[in-house]
């Protein structure tokens, strides 16, 4: 399936219109992790397309899962230390429990 030019332009316009906020060092590290994970997932797709051995696919899948868990742990740590949709508002223990349940769902 090919993308339409109109769809590509709309996506570019939406990205251009989206407000950019300065990223913290932690945010940049999380984004770098997610980009590596994206590459790992693409690698998994290629492995399936190439008919690679199930053991190799499972090994790669395990790596992706571990990488996602590690990225989630960093985001959870940020949340627990005060990263909230409403800055300045205290994080309660119940908030942290909800966040952990959401992450581990």
C-alpha atoms as a PDB file:
ATOM      1  CA  UNK A   1       0.000   0.000   0.000  1.00  0.00           C
ATOM      2  CA  UNK A   2       1.364   3.440  -0.888  1.00  0.00           C
ATOM      3  CA  UNK A   3       0.838   6.671   0.954  1.00  0.00           C
ATOM      4  CA  UNK A   4      -0.996   9.434  -0.811  1.00  0.00           C
ATOM      5  CA  UNK A   5       0.737  12.737  -1.272  1.00  0.00           C
ATOM      6  CA  UNK A   6      -2.144  14.436   0.463  1.00  0.00           C
ATOM      7  CA  UNK A   7      -1.788  12.139   3.491  1.00  0.00           C
ATOM      8  CA  UNK A   8       1.932  12.802   3.663  1.00  0.00           C
ATOM      9  CA  UNK A   9       1.385  16.538   3.454  1.00  0.00           C
ATOM     10  CA  UNK A  10      -1.283  16.427   6.154  1.00  0.00           C
ATOM     11  CA  UNK A  11       1.090  14.525   8.448  1.00  0.00           C
ATOM     12  CA  UNK A  12       3.882  17.013   7.813  1.00  0.00           C
ATOM     13  CA  UNK A  13       1.547  19.936   8.451  1.00  0.00           C
ATOM     14  CA  UNK A  14       0.350  18.368  11.711  1.00  0.00           C
ATOM     15  CA  UNK A  15       3.950  17.870  12.832  1.00  0.00           C
ATOM     16  CA  UNK A  16       4.800  21.447  11.912  1.00  0.00           C
ATOM     17  CA  UNK A  17       1.747  22.755  13.774  1.00  0.00           C
ATOM     18  CA  UNK A  18       2.426  20.701  16.913  1.00  0.00           C
ATOM     19  CA  UNK A  19       3.985  22.844  19.627  1.00  0.00           C
ATOM     20  CA  UNK A  20       7.508  21.831  20.487  1.00  0.00           C
ATOM     21  CA  UNK A  21       8.602  21.861  24.081  1.00  0.00           C
ATOM     22  CA  UNK A  22      12.177  21.626  25.234  1.00  0.00           C
ATOM     23  CA  UNK A  23      13.155  18.059  26.055  1.00  0.00           C
ATOM     24  CA  UNK A  24      15.031  17.083  29.181  1.00  0.00           C
ATOM     25  CA  UNK A  25      18.095  14.846  29.016  1.00  0.00           C
ATOM     26  CA  UNK A  26      15.923  12.004  30.303  1.00  0.00           C
ATOM     27  CA  UNK A  27      13.351  12.606  27.558  1.00  0.00           C
ATOM     28  CA  UNK A  28      16.100  12.479  24.926  1.00  0.00           C
ATOM     29  CA  UNK A  29      17.399   9.222  26.401  1.00  0.00           C
ATOM     30  CA  UNK A  30      13.898   7.707  26.375  1.00  0.00           C
ATOM     31  CA  UNK A  31      13.422   8.760  22.751  1.00  0.00           C
ATOM     32  CA  UNK A  32      16.766   7.208  21.824  1.00  0.00           C
ATOM     33  CA  UNK A  33      15.699   3.955  23.516  1.00  0.00           C
ATOM     34  CA  UNK A  34      12.370   3.969  21.696  1.00  0.00           C
ATOM     35  CA  UNK A  35      14.104   4.525  18.359  1.00  0.00           C
ATOM     36  CA  UNK A  36      16.394   1.550  19.036  1.00  0.00           C
ATOM     37  CA  UNK A  37      13.329  -0.526  19.938  1.00  0.00           C
ATOM     38  CA  UNK A  38      11.683   0.574  16.698  1.00  0.00           C
ATOM     39  CA  UNK A  39      14.725  -0.752  14.829  1.00  0.00           C
ATOM     40  CA  UNK A  40      14.554  -4.021  16.755  1.00  0.00           C
ATOM     41  CA  UNK A  41      10.877  -4.429  15.832  1.00  0.00           C
ATOM     42  CA  UNK A  42      11.697  -3.787  12.165  1.00  0.00           C
ATOM     43  CA  UNK A  43      14.393  -6.435  12.488  1.00  0.00           C
ATOM     44  CA  UNK A  44      11.816  -8.849  13.877  1.00  0.00           C
ATOM     45  CA  UNK A  45       9.543  -8.167  10.926  1.00  0.00           C
ATOM     46  CA  UNK A  46      12.398  -8.907   8.513  1.00  0.00           C
ATOM     47  CA  UNK A  47      13.221 -12.090  10.394  1.00  0.00           C
ATOM     48  CA  UNK A  48       9.645 -13.331   9.980  1.00  0.00           C
ATOM     49  CA  UNK A  49       9.597 -12.334   6.287  1.00  0.00           C
ATOM     50  CA  UNK A  50      12.874 -14.213   5.744  1.00  0.00           C
ATOM     51  CA  UNK A  51      11.602 -17.317   7.534  1.00  0.00           C
ATOM     52  CA  UNK A  52      14.288 -17.198  10.217  1.00  0.00           C
ATOM     53  CA  UNK A  53      14.526 -19.861  12.895  1.00  0.00           C
ATOM     54  CA  UNK A  54      11.931 -19.611  15.684  1.00  0.00           C
ATOM     55  CA  UNK A  55      14.665 -19.594  18.345  1.00  0.00           C
ATOM     56  CA  UNK A  56      16.260 -16.517  16.733  1.00  0.00           C
ATOM     57  CA  UNK A  57      12.882 -14.769  16.506  1.00  0.00           C
ATOM     58  CA  UNK A  58      12.071 -15.536  20.134  1.00  0.00           C
ATOM     59  CA  UNK A  59      15.498 -14.291  21.220  1.00  0.00           C
ATOM     60  CA  UNK A  60      14.943 -10.999  19.381  1.00  0.00           C
ATOM     61  CA  UNK A  61      11.400 -10.736  20.747  1.00  0.00           C
ATOM     62  CA  UNK A  62      12.725 -11.202  24.266  1.00  0.00           C
ATOM     63  CA  UNK A  63      15.193  -8.366  23.662  1.00  0.00           C
ATOM     64  CA  UNK A  64      12.411  -6.075  22.465  1.00  0.00           C
ATOM     65  CA  UNK A  65      10.305  -6.899  25.516  1.00  0.00           C
ATOM     66  CA  UNK A  66      13.227  -6.201  27.847  1.00  0.00           C
ATOM     67  CA  UNK A  67      13.992  -2.922  26.099  1.00  0.00           C
ATOM     68  CA  UNK A  68      10.357  -1.809  26.393  1.00  0.00           C
ATOM     69  CA  UNK A  69      10.313  -2.740  30.075  1.00  0.00           C
ATOM     70  CA  UNK A  70      13.486  -0.718  30.656  1.00  0.00           C
ATOM     71  CA  UNK A  71      12.029   2.315  28.864  1.00  0.00           C
ATOM     72  CA  UNK A  72       8.830   1.957  30.888  1.00  0.00           C
ATOM     73  CA  UNK A  73      10.842   1.827  34.103  1.00  0.00           C
ATOM     74  CA  UNK A  74      12.521   5.141  33.248  1.00  0.00           C
ATOM     75  CA  UNK A  75       9.160   6.780  32.485  1.00  0.00           C
ATOM     76  CA  UNK A  76       7.713   5.369  35.718  1.00  0.00           C
ATOM     77  CA  UNK A  77      10.682   6.714  37.649  1.00  0.00           C
ATOM     78  CA  UNK A  78      10.097  10.156  36.118  1.00  0.00           C
ATOM     79  CA  UNK A  79       6.420   9.951  37.044  1.00  0.00           C
ATOM     80  CA  UNK A  80       7.183   8.937  40.614  1.00  0.00           C
ATOM     81  CA  UNK A  81       9.584  11.849  40.988  1.00  0.00           C
ATOM     82  CA  UNK A  82       7.004  14.410  39.935  1.00  0.00           C
ATOM     83  CA  UNK A  83       6.496  14.171  36.161  1.00  0.00           C
ATOM     84  CA  UNK A  84       2.762  14.893  35.936  1.00  0.00           C
ATOM     85  CA  UNK A  85       0.261  16.337  33.511  1.00  0.00           C
ATOM     86  CA  UNK A  86      -0.304  19.025  36.156  1.00  0.00           C
ATOM     87  CA  UNK A  87       3.159  20.277  37.136  1.00  0.00           C
ATOM     88  CA  UNK A  88       3.597  21.260  40.738  1.00  0.00           C
ATOM     89  CA  UNK A  89       0.944  18.865  41.999  1.00  0.00           C
ATOM     90  CA  UNK A  90       2.182  16.293  44.510  1.00  0.00           C
ATOM     91  CA  UNK A  91       2.382  12.648  43.483  1.00  0.00           C
ATOM     92  CA  UNK A  92       0.528  10.456  45.970  1.00  0.00           C
ATOM     93  CA  UNK A  93       1.247   6.786  46.661  1.00  0.00           C
ATOM     94  CA  UNK A  94      -2.084   5.963  44.990  1.00  0.00           C
ATOM     95  CA  UNK A  95      -0.885   7.783  41.856  1.00  0.00           C
ATOM     96  CA  UNK A  96       2.257   5.646  41.772  1.00  0.00           C
ATOM     97  CA  UNK A  97       0.260   2.426  42.294  1.00  0.00           C
ATOM     98  CA  UNK A  98      -2.037   3.379  39.385  1.00  0.00           C
ATOM     99  CA  UNK A  99       0.966   4.141  37.182  1.00  0.00           C
ATOM    100  CA  UNK A 100       2.624   0.802  38.021  1.00  0.00           C
ATOM    101  CA  UNK A 101      -0.607  -1.079  37.294  1.00  0.00           C
ATOM    102  CA  UNK A 102      -0.947   0.746  33.999  1.00  0.00           C
ATOM    103  CA  UNK A 103       2.630  -0.042  33.017  1.00  0.00           C
ATOM    104  CA  UNK A 104       2.494  -3.684  34.071  1.00  0.00           C
ATOM    105  CA  UNK A 105      -1.132  -4.166  32.888  1.00  0.00           C
END
